Amino acid sequence: MYDERCIFCRIIKGEIPSVKVYEDDEMCVFKDVEPKAAVHLLAVPKTHFKLLEEAGESGAEIIARMLKKIPIIAAGNGCKNGYRLVINQGDDAGQTVFHLHIHILGGEKLSDF
């Protein structure tokens, strides 16, 4: 599903430029334009859903496959000594783009929460 108001849907479709580091039929990974770490990537399913609870069975399967690929993508982009994954869910968590996405942060020693 595509939502023309969603910035991530538009990035996936190529309507908004991005620095993509990985793409396949189910997901796209690109550099965050406002990085919070030396390496800050966003892994985004190509299927539009806002929150984990909206993913359904097929979305959950996509997320599972994404999580299997992320270690390889992270290592190939400078996160050989570890990385942090963050999935913000809703306003109180600081989610600003309402298309589920996984932040991949690393490339340096990260501070504690």
Protein backbone atom coordinates (compact mmCIF):
# COMPACT_ATOMS: atom_id res chain seq x y z
CA MET A 1 0.00 0.00 0.00
CA TYR A 2 1.21 3.52 -0.87
CA ASP A 3 0.23 6.70 1.00
CA GLU A 4 1.05 9.80 -1.07
CA ARG A 5 1.15 11.93 2.12
CA CYS A 6 3.84 9.70 3.69
CA ILE A 7 7.41 10.88 3.24
CA PHE A 8 8.76 7.31 3.52
CA CYS A 9 6.34 6.01 0.88
CA ARG A 10 7.53 8.81 -1.37
CA ILE A 11 11.21 8.01 -0.67
CA ILE A 12 10.59 4.33 -1.43
CA LYS A 13 8.89 5.28 -4.71
CA GLY A 14 11.80 7.58 -5.64
CA GLU A 15 9.77 10.79 -5.50
CA ILE A 16 12.01 12.22 -2.76
CA PRO A 17 15.79 11.75 -3.01
CA SER A 18 17.60 9.69 -0.39
CA VAL A 19 20.88 7.87 0.07
CA LYS A 20 19.76 4.26 -0.13
CA VAL A 21 22.15 1.63 1.20
CA TYR A 22 19.93 -1.41 0.60
CA GLU A 23 16.70 -2.26 -1.19
CA ASP A 24 14.76 -5.38 -2.06
CA ASP A 25 11.12 -6.25 -2.77
CA GLU A 26 10.04 -5.78 0.86
CA MET A 27 12.24 -3.12 2.40
CA CYS A 28 14.36 -0.08 1.81
CA VAL A 29 17.24 1.14 4.00
CA PHE A 30 18.50 4.70 3.69
CA LYS A 31 20.55 7.23 5.65
CA ASP A 32 18.66 9.43 8.09
CA VAL A 33 18.84 13.11 7.07
CA GLU A 34 19.11 14.13 10.75
CA PRO A 35 21.54 11.52 12.14
CA LYS A 36 21.74 10.92 15.88
CA ALA A 37 24.87 8.76 15.62
CA ALA A 38 27.86 8.35 13.30
CA VAL A 39 25.78 5.75 11.45
CA HIS A 40 22.03 6.35 11.44
CA LEU A 41 20.04 4.30 8.96
CA LEU A 42 16.31 3.81 8.61
CA ALA A 43 14.97 0.39 7.64
CA VAL A 44 11.48 0.82 6.20
CA PRO A 45 9.03 -1.82 4.98
CA LYS A 46 7.66 -1.04 1.53
CA THR A 47 4.19 -1.87 2.85
CA HIS A 48 2.73 1.17 4.61
CA PHE A 49 1.53 0.68 8.18
CA LYS A 50 1.99 3.08 11.06
CA LEU A 51 2.44 0.93 14.15
CA LEU A 52 3.37 -2.63 15.06
CA GLU A 53 -0.22 -3.40 16.02
CA GLU A 54 -1.34 -2.40 12.51
CA ALA A 55 1.13 -4.72 10.76
CA GLY A 56 -1.06 -7.81 10.77
CA GLU A 57 0.33 -11.25 10.01
CA SER A 58 1.89 -10.33 6.66
CA GLY A 59 3.50 -7.18 8.11
CA ALA A 60 4.90 -9.18 11.03
CA GLU A 61 6.49 -11.59 8.57
CA ILE A 62 8.07 -8.67 6.68
CA ILE A 63 9.42 -7.23 9.93
CA ALA A 64 10.88 -10.64 10.85
CA ARG A 65 12.68 -10.83 7.49
CA MET A 66 13.90 -7.25 7.94
CA LEU A 67 15.35 -8.12 11.34
CA LYS A 68 17.26 -11.03 9.78
CA LYS A 69 18.83 -8.74 7.16
CA ILE A 70 19.67 -5.81 9.44
CA PRO A 71 22.84 -7.37 10.96
CA ILE A 72 24.39 -7.74 7.49
CA ILE A 73 23.32 -4.23 6.44
CA ALA A 74 24.58 -2.71 9.72
CA ALA A 75 27.97 -4.44 9.48
CA GLY A 76 28.36 -3.33 5.88
CA ASN A 77 27.73 0.28 6.85
CA GLY A 78 30.23 0.75 9.67
CA CYS A 79 28.55 -0.95 12.64
CA LYS A 80 31.00 -3.83 13.10
CA ASN A 81 31.29 -3.34 16.90
CA GLY A 82 27.56 -3.23 17.55
CA TYR A 83 24.50 -1.14 16.91
CA ARG A 84 21.21 -0.16 18.48
CA LEU A 85 17.76 -0.71 16.99
CA VAL A 86 14.93 1.67 17.88
CA ILE A 87 11.28 1.48 16.84
CA ASN A 88 9.32 4.50 18.08
CA GLN A 89 5.60 3.83 18.45
CA GLY A 90 3.29 6.85 18.62
CA ASP A 91 3.51 10.46 19.73
CA ASP A 92 4.71 9.80 23.29
CA ALA A 93 7.63 7.75 21.96
CA GLY A 94 8.67 10.51 19.57
CA GLN A 95 7.50 8.91 16.32
CA THR A 96 7.48 11.73 13.77
CA VAL A 97 6.89 9.79 10.55
CA PHE A 98 3.89 7.51 10.81
CA HIS A 99 5.20 4.69 8.64
CA LEU A 100 6.77 1.95 10.74
CA HIS A 101 10.56 2.16 10.56
CA ILE A 102 13.54 0.78 12.43
CA HIS A 103 16.39 3.12 13.34
CA ILE A 104 19.82 1.49 13.07
CA LEU A 105 22.30 3.50 15.14
CA GLY A 106 26.02 2.81 15.51
CA GLY A 107 29.46 3.49 14.18
CA GLU A 108 30.54 4.82 17.57
CA LYS A 109 30.14 4.10 21.27
CA LEU A 110 26.53 4.97 22.06
CA SER A 111 25.49 6.53 25.35
CA ASP A 112 23.07 4.86 27.72
CA PHE A 113 19.44 5.90 27.66
